[in-house]
Amino acid sequence: MESLQTTSVPSDHEPSIKHCKRGGWTTFPFIIGAVMGLTLAAGSWSSNLIVFLVNVMNIKSINATQINNIILGSYSLFPIAGAVIADSFFSSFHVVSVFASVSLLGMIMLTLASTIPSLRPPTCLTGSFSCEAPSKIQYAVLYSALALASFGLGGTRFTIATFGADQFAKPDDQGTFFSWYFITLYLASAISLTAIVYVQDNVSWGLGFGLGVAVNAIGLAVFLLGKRFYRHTKPKGSPFASIARVLAAAFRKRRKLESFQSQDYFHGDNTKATSGPTESFRFLNRAALRFEDDRKSDGSYASSWWLCTVEEVEDLKTLFKIMPLWSSSILLSTTIAMVNSLTVLQALTMDRHLGPHFKIPAGSILVFSILATALSIFIIDRFLLPLWKKLTRRSLKPLQQIGIGHVINMFAMVGSASVETRRLRVVRDLHLDGEPPGSVVPMSGLWLVVPMLILGVGEGFHFPGQVALYYQEFPKSLRSTSTAMISLLIGIAYYLSTAITDLVRRSTGWLPNNINDGRLDYVFWLLTVIALVNFGYFLFCATLFRYRNTDDNHENEASG
């Protein structure tokens, strides 16, 4: 919900259009249709990527999880780039159009890689010791396709949300749009994890990726068809420029004496402001101090690389105060990323049959987490939060929601460790250790559903809590980037999960290529310890944090 406060700037031709009002609910079908198509396309390759790398490209299982985490990390980092490009250089409409085209190109390359024999290694049975690894050319095509697909996805996912919110002037309408945006996002992800993954596993990978090409093209076409109805926004300049200017001005004035009189501080166009900056991070206050050499030739002052407003200084201080809390979510997301990847590997070795004829695809196990998250968000928003407010006469604060999510996440780690302990006991009892990779353990894959459901419930608490916290507490000038910061920490988490996986594999025997010969349960217990230590860090940061934009609201609610 990064863009509720993004200012809509009508195009130059809008004043002359009297009979064709741009924006509003007329644009809703086009934007939501594009979100559905692009999300389905993204899910067609990202949802089942580990299985594709192992079964089609003959890449070893642990290497496949690392590639998967790197790719998912990349498309989680790209939204920041998309947001900056949209704010600084081009409109959101052009950014979405270009990046959706890039995504389409990546999908086409993946489809070719899965259907043309020369672009993939020879097919071999899962678990065979003699599978031929991909050649350098095949790796190059694979990595190029994944890079284009992830780059395209990252550039559209948050930018199209911003663009959609820009079509509405009323906050209530914007809130309704975001509700439908997330519903569409989860619905499309669930379809990808079930229907498209089933086609890939049971019909052909070429058809599965081909469906991704089709829905990507349809989504792009639907988005472009609505062009004449959209309210377009002009680039507003980089939201990080004021941050750089405060740091530069404070550094340049580091040798100058600091005054404590409020009239010596620069407030810009805010003539009613009289107070100076706060005492925290006092070294930044110099950036707003007015000196004689800051005065222009006409005797006035203006914001520049030498002089900043008090508001700009306070905005940067707010970022400094909230960043420790933001960093506490990195390891939270890291544990989730590792559990998701390793759960798919577990599913590949377990009995996934439902009846004699239907077999759950390994990648579809993750859909239970997504469904649990979607259902939890609905129950929390419609029932738990109103009940809490009725009982306590106070709204549940974002930090409290995030903290509950941390605790539930730890229970999910314990659940995953317990299921893996049971799976390995079956392996040892039946002497399946030492068998070729991919040997099926006679244990139902539905055991994996339990930790997935717990993981989803935890995300239903901490994800909306983070969205609310960053949106409320980030400076107004950076609110269009606030939610993209969640994507940034998820990207970092995926890269960190790759590093942790590699460290564990190199320093222990817990993660061999055949997980039946390893101790994956020890990895899950390690993640539990990491989650517990990180929860302590979160509590420490939460204790020091003071709400800037919500305290008054809570006080009013309590007194009402």
Protein backbone atom coordinates (compact mmCIF):
# COMPACT_ATOMS: atom_id res chain seq x y z
CA MET A 1 0.00 0.00 0.00
CA GLU A 2 2.84 2.23 -0.83
CA SER A 3 1.03 4.82 -2.85
CA LEU A 4 -2.08 5.96 -0.98
CA GLN A 5 -0.62 9.44 -0.70
CA THR A 6 0.87 9.61 -4.19
CA THR A 7 -0.26 12.85 -5.76
CA SER A 8 -2.04 12.49 -9.08
CA VAL A 9 -0.99 15.05 -11.67
CA PRO A 10 -3.39 15.39 -14.59
CA SER A 11 -1.90 15.32 -18.04
CA ASP A 12 -1.50 18.53 -20.02
CA HIS A 13 -4.60 17.73 -22.08
CA GLU A 14 -6.96 16.93 -19.22
CA PRO A 15 -8.35 20.45 -18.67
CA SER A 16 -9.77 20.42 -22.19
CA ILE A 17 -11.47 17.05 -21.75
CA LYS A 18 -14.92 17.81 -20.35
CA HIS A 19 -16.89 14.81 -21.48
CA CYS A 20 -14.24 12.14 -20.82
CA LYS A 21 -13.13 12.12 -17.21
CA ARG A 22 -9.94 10.14 -16.78
CA GLY A 23 -9.23 7.79 -13.92
CA GLY A 24 -11.77 6.37 -11.49
CA TRP A 25 -13.49 2.99 -11.60
CA THR A 26 -13.55 2.97 -15.40
CA THR A 27 -9.87 2.01 -15.29
CA PHE A 28 -10.37 -0.75 -12.70
CA PRO A 29 -11.08 -3.67 -15.10
CA PHE A 30 -8.03 -2.86 -17.20
CA ILE A 31 -5.63 -2.62 -14.26
CA ILE A 32 -6.96 -5.63 -12.34
CA GLY A 33 -7.04 -7.64 -15.58
CA ALA A 34 -3.38 -6.76 -16.13
CA VAL A 35 -2.53 -7.71 -12.52
CA MET A 36 -4.22 -11.09 -12.97
CA GLY A 37 -2.44 -11.82 -16.26
CA LEU A 38 1.01 -10.70 -15.15
CA THR A 39 0.75 -12.52 -11.80
CA LEU A 40 -0.35 -15.74 -13.50
CA ALA A 41 2.60 -15.42 -15.87
CA ALA A 42 5.00 -14.87 -12.99
CA GLY A 43 3.62 -17.86 -11.12
CA SER A 44 3.91 -20.08 -14.18
CA TRP A 45 7.71 -20.03 -13.84
CA SER A 46 8.44 -19.02 -10.22
CA SER A 47 6.02 -21.41 -8.47
CA ASN A 48 7.58 -24.59 -9.84
CA LEU A 49 11.10 -23.39 -10.58
CA ILE A 50 12.92 -25.82 -8.25
CA VAL A 51 11.17 -28.81 -9.81
CA PHE A 52 11.97 -27.53 -13.32
CA LEU A 53 15.65 -27.09 -12.48
CA VAL A 54 15.90 -30.56 -10.91
CA ASN A 55 13.76 -32.63 -13.28
CA VAL A 56 14.29 -30.87 -16.62
CA MET A 57 17.65 -29.10 -16.36
CA ASN A 58 19.27 -31.91 -14.28
CA ILE A 59 20.57 -29.48 -11.65
CA LYS A 60 21.32 -30.93 -8.22
CA SER A 61 18.62 -30.29 -5.64
CA ILE A 62 20.53 -28.04 -3.23
CA ASN A 63 22.00 -26.05 -6.14
CA ALA A 64 18.46 -25.69 -7.49
CA THR A 65 17.23 -24.21 -4.20
CA GLN A 66 20.10 -21.70 -4.24
CA ILE A 67 19.35 -20.67 -7.84
CA ASN A 68 15.68 -20.38 -6.90
CA ASN A 69 16.46 -18.13 -3.92
CA ILE A 70 18.77 -15.91 -5.98
CA ILE A 71 16.14 -15.48 -8.72
CA LEU A 72 13.33 -14.78 -6.25
CA GLY A 73 15.64 -12.37 -4.42
CA SER A 74 16.35 -10.54 -7.66
CA TYR A 75 12.73 -9.96 -8.55
CA SER A 76 12.11 -8.80 -4.99
CA LEU A 77 14.87 -6.18 -5.33
CA PHE A 78 13.78 -4.90 -8.74
CA PRO A 79 10.59 -3.12 -7.50
CA ILE A 80 12.80 -0.52 -5.83
CA ALA A 81 14.40 0.20 -9.20
CA GLY A 82 10.98 0.31 -10.84
CA ALA A 83 9.66 2.76 -8.23
CA VAL A 84 12.67 5.07 -8.58
CA ILE A 85 12.46 5.01 -12.40
CA ALA A 86 8.72 5.74 -12.30
CA ASP A 87 9.17 8.61 -9.82
CA SER A 88 12.27 10.13 -11.38
CA PHE A 89 12.23 9.66 -15.15
CA PHE A 90 9.16 8.02 -16.67
CA SER A 91 5.50 7.67 -15.75
CA SER A 92 4.21 4.50 -14.10
CA PHE A 93 2.28 3.66 -17.28
CA HIS A 94 5.44 3.52 -19.40
CA VAL A 95 7.37 1.60 -16.73
CA VAL A 96 4.66 -1.09 -16.47
CA SER A 97 4.37 -1.35 -20.27
CA VAL A 98 8.11 -1.78 -20.80
CA PHE A 99 8.72 -4.20 -17.95
CA ALA A 100 5.67 -6.32 -18.88
CA SER A 101 7.20 -6.63 -22.37
CA VAL A 102 10.51 -7.69 -20.82
CA SER A 103 8.66 -10.32 -18.78
CA LEU A 104 7.00 -11.60 -21.95
CA LEU A 105 10.39 -11.99 -23.64
CA GLY A 106 11.69 -13.99 -20.67
CA MET A 107 8.61 -16.26 -20.76
CA ILE A 108 9.13 -16.92 -24.47
CA MET A 109 12.77 -17.90 -23.83
CA LEU A 110 11.75 -20.27 -21.01
CA THR A 111 9.17 -21.89 -23.28
CA LEU A 112 11.81 -22.43 -25.97
CA ALA A 113 14.30 -23.78 -23.41
CA SER A 114 11.78 -26.38 -22.25
CA THR A 115 10.69 -27.51 -25.72
CA ILE A 116 13.79 -27.37 -27.96
CA PRO A 117 16.01 -30.40 -27.17
CA SER A 118 19.27 -28.57 -27.89
CA LEU A 119 18.48 -25.97 -25.20
CA ARG A 120 18.19 -28.51 -22.38
CA PRO A 121 20.20 -31.56 -21.28
CA PRO A 122 19.02 -35.06 -22.19
CA THR A 123 16.12 -36.35 -20.13
CA CYS A 124 16.95 -38.84 -17.40
CA LEU A 125 15.07 -40.50 -14.57
CA THR A 126 14.82 -38.59 -11.31
CA GLY A 127 17.38 -40.01 -8.91
CA SER A 128 19.71 -41.38 -11.56
CA PHE A 129 23.42 -41.07 -10.79
CA SER A 130 24.30 -40.46 -14.46
CA CYS A 131 22.23 -37.36 -15.33
CA GLU A 132 24.03 -35.05 -17.75
CA ALA A 133 24.46 -31.49 -16.48
CA PRO A 134 23.50 -28.51 -18.69
CA SER A 135 26.14 -27.15 -21.06
CA LYS A 136 27.44 -23.59 -20.88
CA ILE A 137 25.11 -22.51 -23.68
CA GLN A 138 22.13 -24.14 -21.98
CA TYR A 139 23.02 -22.43 -18.70
CA ALA A 140 23.35 -19.10 -20.57
CA VAL A 141 19.89 -19.44 -22.13
CA LEU A 142 18.37 -20.52 -18.82
CA TYR A 143 19.90 -17.69 -16.80
CA SER A 144 19.04 -15.10 -19.48
CA ALA A 145 15.42 -16.22 -19.54
CA LEU A 146 15.13 -16.19 -15.74
CA ALA A 147 16.83 -12.78 -15.53
CA LEU A 148 14.41 -11.24 -18.05
CA ALA A 149 11.37 -12.84 -16.42
CA SER A 150 12.37 -11.74 -12.91
CA PHE A 151 13.36 -8.24 -14.07
CA GLY A 152 9.99 -7.85 -15.80
CA LEU A 153 8.06 -9.11 -12.79
CA GLY A 154 9.95 -6.89 -10.36
CA GLY A 155 9.39 -3.80 -12.49
CA THR A 156 5.62 -4.25 -12.72
CA ARG A 157 4.34 -5.71 -9.44
CA PHE A 158 4.54 -2.63 -7.18
CA THR A 159 4.53 -0.02 -9.93
CA ILE A 160 1.15 -1.18 -11.22
CA ALA A 161 -0.20 -0.93 -7.66
CA THR A 162 0.99 2.67 -7.49
CA PHE A 163 -0.49 3.38 -10.91
CA GLY A 164 -3.83 1.88 -9.87
CA ALA A 165 -4.03 4.00 -6.72
CA ASP A 166 -3.27 7.11 -8.78
CA GLN A 167 -6.58 6.62 -10.61
CA PHE A 168 -8.56 7.49 -7.47
CA ALA A 169 -8.76 10.72 -5.51
CA LYS A 170 -10.61 9.46 -2.41
CA PRO A 171 -8.69 7.41 0.20
CA ASP A 172 -11.67 5.05 0.58
CA ASP A 173 -11.58 4.26 -3.13
CA GLN A 174 -7.84 3.75 -2.96
CA GLY A 175 -8.28 1.38 -0.02
CA THR A 176 -10.91 -0.60 -1.94
CA PHE A 177 -8.58 -0.82 -4.92
CA PHE A 178 -5.76 -2.18 -2.77
CA SER A 179 -8.07 -4.78 -1.24
CA TRP A 180 -8.96 -6.05 -4.71
CA TYR A 181 -5.33 -5.81 -5.76
CA PHE A 182 -4.21 -8.18 -2.98
CA ILE A 183 -7.17 -10.50 -3.54
CA THR A 184 -6.26 -10.73 -7.23
CA LEU A 185 -2.60 -11.25 -6.37
CA TYR A 186 -3.33 -14.16 -4.01
CA LEU A 187 -5.96 -15.67 -6.32
CA ALA A 188 -3.61 -15.63 -9.31
CA SER A 189 -0.80 -17.10 -7.19
CA ALA A 190 -3.08 -19.91 -6.02
CA ILE A 191 -4.10 -20.70 -9.61
CA SER A 192 -0.44 -20.80 -10.66
CA LEU A 193 0.50 -23.10 -7.78
CA THR A 194 -2.28 -25.53 -8.66
CA ALA A 195 -3.55 -25.50 -12.24
CA ILE A 196 -0.42 -24.37 -14.10
CA VAL A 197 1.91 -26.44 -11.92
CA TYR A 198 -0.31 -29.49 -12.56
CA VAL A 199 -0.03 -28.93 -16.32
CA GLN A 200 3.75 -28.67 -16.06
CA ASP A 201 4.10 -31.84 -13.98
CA ASN A 202 1.51 -33.99 -15.75
CA VAL A 203 1.20 -32.71 -19.34
CA SER A 204 4.33 -30.85 -20.45
CA TRP A 205 6.61 -28.06 -19.35
CA GLY A 206 6.35 -26.45 -22.77
CA LEU A 207 2.56 -26.13 -22.44
CA GLY A 208 2.87 -24.84 -18.86
CA PHE A 209 5.31 -22.10 -19.86
CA GLY A 210 3.28 -21.49 -23.03
CA LEU A 211 0.26 -20.70 -20.86
CA GLY A 212 2.48 -18.19 -19.05
CA VAL A 213 3.33 -16.54 -22.39
CA ALA A 214 -0.37 -16.34 -23.28
CA VAL A 215 -1.54 -14.77 -20.01
CA ASN A 216 1.42 -12.36 -19.99
CA ALA A 217 0.51 -11.18 -23.50
CA ILE A 218 -3.17 -10.88 -22.56
CA GLY A 219 -2.35 -8.95 -19.40
CA LEU A 220 -0.13 -6.52 -21.33
CA ALA A 221 -2.76 -6.06 -24.04
CA VAL A 222 -5.55 -5.39 -21.51
CA PHE A 223 -3.35 -2.84 -19.74
CA LEU A 224 -2.56 -1.01 -22.99
CA LEU A 225 -6.22 -1.00 -24.05
CA GLY A 226 -7.08 1.18 -21.07
CA LYS A 227 -4.56 3.89 -21.94
CA ARG A 228 -7.09 6.50 -23.03
CA PHE A 229 -9.01 6.13 -19.76
CA TYR A 230 -6.05 6.42 -17.38
CA ARG A 231 -5.11 9.43 -15.31
CA HIS A 232 -1.38 9.79 -15.98
CA THR A 233 1.10 11.16 -13.44
CA LYS A 234 4.21 13.12 -14.17
CA PRO A 235 7.57 12.06 -12.70
CA LYS A 236 8.11 13.89 -9.41
CA GLY A 237 11.85 13.43 -9.06
CA SER A 238 13.74 10.96 -6.96
CA PRO A 239 12.27 10.61 -3.45
CA PHE A 240 15.79 10.05 -2.13
CA ALA A 241 17.12 13.43 -3.28
CA SER A 242 16.18 15.21 -0.04
CA ILE A 243 17.94 12.49 1.98
CA ALA A 244 21.15 13.04 0.05
CA ARG A 245 20.85 16.81 0.42
CA VAL A 246 20.43 16.62 4.21
CA LEU A 247 23.50 14.43 4.55
CA ALA A 248 25.53 16.67 2.20
CA ALA A 249 24.45 19.90 3.96
CA ALA A 250 25.14 18.50 7.43
CA PHE A 251 28.60 17.34 6.34
CA ARG A 252 29.48 20.68 4.74
CA LYS A 253 28.45 22.56 7.88
CA ARG A 254 30.10 20.17 10.31
CA ARG A 255 32.70 22.79 11.40
CA LYS A 256 30.16 25.56 11.97
CA LEU A 257 28.80 26.37 15.41
CA GLU A 258 25.29 25.16 16.05
CA SER A 259 22.61 27.56 17.27
CA PHE A 260 19.78 26.48 19.51
CA GLN A 261 17.43 29.33 18.67
CA SER A 262 14.47 28.17 16.60
CA GLN A 263 14.43 31.30 14.43
CA ASP A 264 17.81 30.32 13.00
CA TYR A 265 16.36 27.22 11.35
CA PHE A 266 14.99 27.13 7.83
CA HIS A 267 11.36 25.98 7.41
CA GLY A 268 10.93 26.64 3.69
CA ASP A 269 7.42 27.62 2.63
CA ASN A 270 5.97 26.67 6.01
CA THR A 271 5.76 30.16 7.49
CA LYS A 272 3.70 28.99 10.51
CA ALA A 273 6.43 26.67 11.81
CA THR A 274 8.51 28.21 14.58
CA SER A 275 10.11 25.31 16.46
CA GLY A 276 13.52 23.89 15.68
CA PRO A 277 14.44 20.25 15.02
CA THR A 278 14.41 17.59 17.73
CA GLU A 279 17.45 16.75 19.83
CA SER A 280 17.96 13.25 18.44
CA PHE A 281 20.73 12.89 15.81
CA ARG A 282 21.76 16.48 16.51
CA PHE A 283 24.57 16.40 13.97
CA LEU A 284 21.90 16.52 11.23
CA ASN A 285 20.39 19.74 12.61
CA ARG A 286 23.17 21.79 11.00
CA ALA A 287 21.65 21.02 7.61
CA ALA A 288 18.67 23.28 8.50
CA LEU A 289 20.68 26.07 10.13
CA ARG A 290 20.64 29.35 8.19
CA PHE A 291 23.96 31.15 7.79
CA GLU A 292 24.77 34.31 5.90
CA ASP A 293 26.40 32.43 3.04
CA ASP A 294 23.12 30.52 2.51
CA ARG A 295 21.32 33.74 1.61
CA LYS A 296 20.59 34.33 -2.08
CA SER A 297 21.29 37.59 -3.87
CA ASP A 298 17.72 38.79 -3.31
CA GLY A 299 18.03 38.17 0.44
CA SER A 300 15.83 35.05 0.52
CA TYR A 301 16.64 31.46 1.42
CA ALA A 302 15.89 28.38 -0.68
CA SER A 303 16.33 24.66 -0.16
CA SER A 304 19.56 23.47 -1.76
CA TRP A 305 22.57 21.20 -1.25
CA TRP A 306 23.74 23.74 1.38
CA LEU A 307 20.46 24.35 3.19
CA CYS A 308 17.54 22.02 3.97
CA THR A 309 14.24 22.50 5.75
CA VAL A 310 13.58 21.30 9.30
CA GLU A 311 10.96 18.93 7.88
CA GLU A 312 13.54 17.31 5.59
CA VAL A 313 15.91 16.85 8.53
CA GLU A 314 13.17 15.31 10.67
CA ASP A 315 12.16 12.99 7.82
CA LEU A 316 15.69 11.60 7.66
CA LYS A 317 15.76 11.15 11.43
CA THR A 318 12.54 9.14 11.17
CA LEU A 319 14.19 6.84 8.66
CA PHE A 320 17.16 6.34 10.99
CA LYS A 321 14.78 5.43 13.81
CA ILE A 322 12.69 2.96 11.83
CA MET A 323 15.50 1.19 9.95
CA PRO A 324 16.48 -1.08 12.90
CA LEU A 325 12.89 -2.35 12.99
CA TRP A 326 12.97 -2.81 9.23
CA SER A 327 16.20 -4.81 9.52
CA SER A 328 14.60 -7.16 12.09
CA SER A 329 12.30 -8.42 9.33
CA ILE A 330 15.21 -9.55 7.14
CA LEU A 331 15.94 -12.70 9.15
CA LEU A 332 12.20 -13.26 9.55
CA SER A 333 11.85 -13.37 5.77
CA THR A 334 15.07 -15.41 5.48
CA THR A 335 13.66 -18.25 7.57
CA ILE A 336 10.44 -18.22 5.53
CA ALA A 337 12.36 -18.32 2.24
CA MET A 338 14.47 -21.28 3.38
CA VAL A 339 11.47 -23.22 4.70
CA ASN A 340 9.58 -22.73 1.42
CA SER A 341 12.52 -23.95 -0.69
CA LEU A 342 13.35 -26.92 1.54
CA THR A 343 9.68 -27.93 1.83
CA VAL A 344 9.54 -28.43 -1.96
CA LEU A 345 12.58 -30.74 -1.68
CA GLN A 346 10.81 -32.68 1.07
CA ALA A 347 7.68 -32.98 -1.07
CA LEU A 348 9.69 -34.46 -3.96
CA THR A 349 10.65 -37.41 -1.72
CA MET A 350 7.21 -38.05 -0.16
CA ASP A 351 4.00 -39.77 -1.22
CA ARG A 352 1.82 -37.02 -2.68
CA HIS A 353 -1.05 -39.16 -3.96
CA LEU A 354 -4.67 -38.26 -3.21
CA GLY A 355 -6.43 -41.42 -4.22
CA PRO A 356 -5.17 -43.81 -6.90
CA HIS A 357 -5.11 -41.35 -9.80
CA PHE A 358 -4.25 -37.85 -8.52
CA LYS A 359 -0.82 -36.75 -7.35
CA ILE A 360 -0.20 -33.33 -5.82
CA PRO A 361 2.66 -31.53 -7.63
CA ALA A 362 5.55 -30.84 -5.27
CA GLY A 363 5.49 -27.11 -5.95
CA SER A 364 1.77 -26.95 -5.14
CA ILE A 365 2.47 -27.70 -1.47
CA LEU A 366 3.22 -23.98 -1.04
CA VAL A 367 -0.32 -23.04 -2.05
CA PHE A 368 -1.50 -23.99 1.46
CA SER A 369 0.65 -21.20 2.89
CA ILE A 370 -0.78 -18.67 0.43
CA LEU A 371 -4.37 -19.73 1.13
CA ALA A 372 -3.74 -19.58 4.88
CA THR A 373 -2.31 -16.07 4.52
CA ALA A 374 -5.27 -14.84 2.47
CA LEU A 375 -7.82 -16.38 4.86
CA SER A 376 -5.94 -15.08 7.91
CA ILE A 377 -5.84 -11.53 6.57
CA PHE A 378 -9.60 -11.67 6.00
CA ILE A 379 -10.35 -13.08 9.48
CA ILE A 380 -7.94 -10.69 11.21
CA ASP A 381 -9.32 -7.65 9.38
CA ARG A 382 -13.00 -8.54 9.70
CA PHE A 383 -13.16 -10.21 13.10
CA LEU A 384 -10.04 -10.16 15.29
CA LEU A 385 -9.14 -6.48 14.94
CA PRO A 386 -12.70 -5.22 15.59
CA LEU A 387 -12.98 -7.61 18.56
CA TRP A 388 -9.64 -6.37 19.97
CA LYS A 389 -10.76 -2.74 19.57
CA LYS A 390 -14.10 -3.48 21.24
CA LEU A 391 -12.46 -5.18 24.21
CA THR A 392 -9.55 -2.78 24.75
CA ARG A 393 -10.90 0.41 23.13
CA ARG A 394 -7.60 0.65 21.30
CA SER A 395 -6.55 -0.50 17.85
CA LEU A 396 -3.95 -3.26 17.61
CA LYS A 397 -0.72 -1.44 16.80
CA PRO A 398 1.40 -2.52 13.81
CA LEU A 399 4.30 -3.55 16.06
CA GLN A 400 1.97 -5.84 18.01
CA GLN A 401 0.82 -7.49 14.79
CA ILE A 402 4.40 -7.98 13.63
CA GLY A 403 5.38 -9.43 17.02
CA ILE A 404 2.54 -11.98 16.87
CA GLY A 405 3.73 -12.93 13.38
CA HIS A 406 7.26 -13.52 14.71
CA VAL A 407 5.97 -15.91 17.39
CA ILE A 408 3.75 -17.88 14.99
CA ASN A 409 6.65 -18.09 12.54
CA MET A 410 8.77 -19.81 15.21
CA PHE A 411 6.03 -22.41 15.72
CA ALA A 412 6.10 -23.04 11.95
CA MET A 413 9.86 -23.70 12.15
CA VAL A 414 9.27 -26.18 14.98
CA GLY A 415 6.54 -27.85 12.93
CA SER A 416 8.82 -28.23 9.91
CA ALA A 417 11.58 -29.70 12.09
CA SER A 418 9.14 -32.17 13.67
CA VAL A 419 7.78 -33.35 10.30
CA GLU A 420 11.31 -33.83 8.95
CA THR A 421 12.33 -35.77 12.07
CA ARG A 422 9.43 -38.13 11.44
CA ARG A 423 10.27 -38.42 7.72
CA LEU A 424 13.90 -39.30 8.46
CA ARG A 425 12.78 -41.89 11.02
CA VAL A 426 10.79 -43.62 8.26
CA VAL A 427 13.87 -43.42 5.99
CA ARG A 428 16.07 -45.06 8.62
CA ASP A 429 13.50 -47.71 9.55
CA LEU A 430 13.09 -48.78 5.92
CA HIS A 431 16.83 -48.43 5.16
CA LEU A 432 16.18 -45.92 2.34
CA ASP A 433 19.30 -43.92 3.15
CA GLY A 434 21.92 -44.58 0.50
CA GLU A 435 19.28 -45.06 -2.19
CA PRO A 436 19.41 -42.88 -5.36
CA PRO A 437 18.18 -39.28 -4.99
CA GLY A 438 14.44 -38.95 -5.48
CA SER A 439 13.50 -42.23 -3.83
CA VAL A 440 9.96 -41.93 -2.51
CA VAL A 441 9.49 -42.29 1.24
CA PRO A 442 6.20 -44.04 2.16
CA MET A 443 4.96 -41.07 4.18
CA SER A 444 2.11 -38.79 3.12
CA GLY A 445 3.14 -35.39 1.80
CA LEU A 446 0.09 -33.94 3.58
CA TRP A 447 2.21 -33.83 6.74
CA LEU A 448 3.87 -30.79 5.14
CA VAL A 449 0.55 -28.95 5.02
CA VAL A 450 0.54 -28.34 8.79
CA PRO A 451 3.72 -26.18 8.99
CA MET A 452 2.69 -24.47 5.74
CA LEU A 453 -0.63 -23.45 7.28
CA ILE A 454 1.08 -22.15 10.42
CA LEU A 455 3.57 -20.22 8.27
CA GLY A 456 0.69 -18.66 6.32
CA VAL A 457 -1.14 -17.58 9.48
CA GLY A 458 2.05 -15.91 10.74
CA GLU A 459 2.40 -14.03 7.47
CA GLY A 460 -1.22 -12.93 7.80
CA PHE A 461 -0.13 -11.04 10.92
CA HIS A 462 3.35 -9.70 10.17
CA PHE A 463 2.93 -8.78 6.48
CA PRO A 464 -0.04 -6.36 6.93
CA GLY A 465 1.62 -5.11 10.12
CA GLN A 466 4.75 -4.16 8.21
CA VAL A 467 2.70 -2.50 5.45
CA ALA A 468 0.84 -0.41 8.04
CA LEU A 469 3.98 0.48 10.01
CA TYR A 470 6.04 1.66 7.05
CA TYR A 471 3.15 3.50 5.44
CA GLN A 472 2.27 5.34 8.67
CA GLU A 473 5.76 6.09 9.88
CA PHE A 474 7.74 6.79 6.72
CA PRO A 475 8.01 10.46 5.75
CA LYS A 476 5.25 11.64 3.44
CA SER A 477 7.80 12.33 0.72
CA LEU A 478 8.79 8.65 0.80
CA ARG A 479 5.40 6.99 1.21
CA SER A 480 5.37 5.95 -2.43
CA THR A 481 8.49 3.91 -1.63
CA SER A 482 7.51 2.66 1.83
CA THR A 483 5.85 -0.59 0.79
CA ALA A 484 8.56 -1.30 -1.76
CA MET A 485 10.90 -1.49 1.25
CA ILE A 486 9.15 -4.75 2.14
CA SER A 487 10.08 -6.09 -1.27
CA LEU A 488 13.65 -4.93 -0.68
CA LEU A 489 13.98 -6.82 2.60
CA ILE A 490 12.47 -9.93 0.99
CA GLY A 491 15.07 -9.70 -1.77
CA ILE A 492 17.87 -9.40 0.78
CA ALA A 493 16.36 -12.34 2.68
CA TYR A 494 16.46 -14.59 -0.38
CA TYR A 495 20.13 -13.77 -0.97
CA LEU A 496 20.88 -14.33 2.70
CA SER A 497 19.06 -17.66 2.64
CA THR A 498 21.29 -18.71 -0.26
CA ALA A 499 24.38 -17.77 1.75
CA ILE A 500 23.15 -19.65 4.84
CA THR A 501 22.33 -22.73 2.75
CA ASP A 502 25.78 -22.68 1.19
CA LEU A 503 27.44 -22.22 4.60
CA VAL A 504 25.51 -25.13 6.12
CA ARG A 505 26.28 -27.34 3.13
CA ARG A 506 30.01 -26.58 3.24
CA SER A 507 30.48 -26.81 7.01
CA THR A 508 28.16 -29.73 7.87
CA GLY A 509 26.81 -32.90 6.32
CA TRP A 510 23.21 -31.85 6.82
CA LEU A 511 22.44 -30.93 3.20
CA PRO A 512 23.75 -33.53 0.74
CA ASN A 513 22.24 -33.78 -2.74
CA ASN A 514 20.05 -36.63 -1.46
CA ILE A 515 18.25 -35.23 1.59
CA ASN A 516 17.44 -38.79 2.71
CA ASP A 517 21.14 -39.07 3.62
CA GLY A 518 21.26 -35.73 5.44
CA ARG A 519 19.85 -34.06 8.55
CA LEU A 520 17.39 -31.53 7.18
CA ASP A 521 15.71 -31.54 10.59
CA TYR A 522 18.85 -29.97 12.07
CA VAL A 523 18.55 -27.18 9.47
CA PHE A 524 14.98 -26.48 10.57
CA TRP A 525 16.05 -26.43 14.24
CA LEU A 526 18.82 -24.00 13.27
CA LEU A 527 16.19 -21.78 11.63
CA THR A 528 14.14 -21.98 14.83
CA VAL A 529 17.10 -20.69 16.83
CA ILE A 530 17.70 -17.92 14.29
CA ALA A 531 14.02 -16.94 14.49
CA LEU A 532 14.16 -16.89 18.31
CA VAL A 533 17.30 -14.71 18.43
CA ASN A 534 15.84 -12.40 15.79
CA PHE A 535 12.61 -12.10 17.81
CA GLY A 536 14.71 -10.90 20.75
CA TYR A 537 16.32 -8.30 18.47
CA PHE A 538 12.86 -7.23 17.28
CA LEU A 539 11.65 -6.78 20.86
CA PHE A 540 14.71 -4.67 21.65
CA CYS A 541 14.11 -2.42 18.63
CA ALA A 542 10.36 -2.22 19.35
CA THR A 543 11.04 -1.15 22.94
CA LEU A 544 13.16 1.80 21.76
CA PHE A 545 10.80 2.81 18.95
CA ARG A 546 8.24 5.58 19.41
CA TYR A 547 5.38 6.06 16.97
CA ARG A 548 5.46 9.40 15.23
CA ASN A 549 2.19 9.38 13.28
CA THR A 550 -0.09 7.05 15.23
CA ASP A 551 0.15 7.95 18.91
CA ASP A 552 -2.40 10.74 18.69
CA ASN A 553 -4.86 8.48 16.93
CA HIS A 554 -4.52 5.81 19.57
CA GLU A 555 -4.97 8.30 22.36
CA ASN A 556 -8.13 9.60 20.76
CA GLU A 557 -9.45 6.09 20.37
CA ALA A 558 -8.71 5.28 23.98
CA SER A 559 -10.51 8.35 25.25
CA GLY A 560 -13.47 7.89 22.91
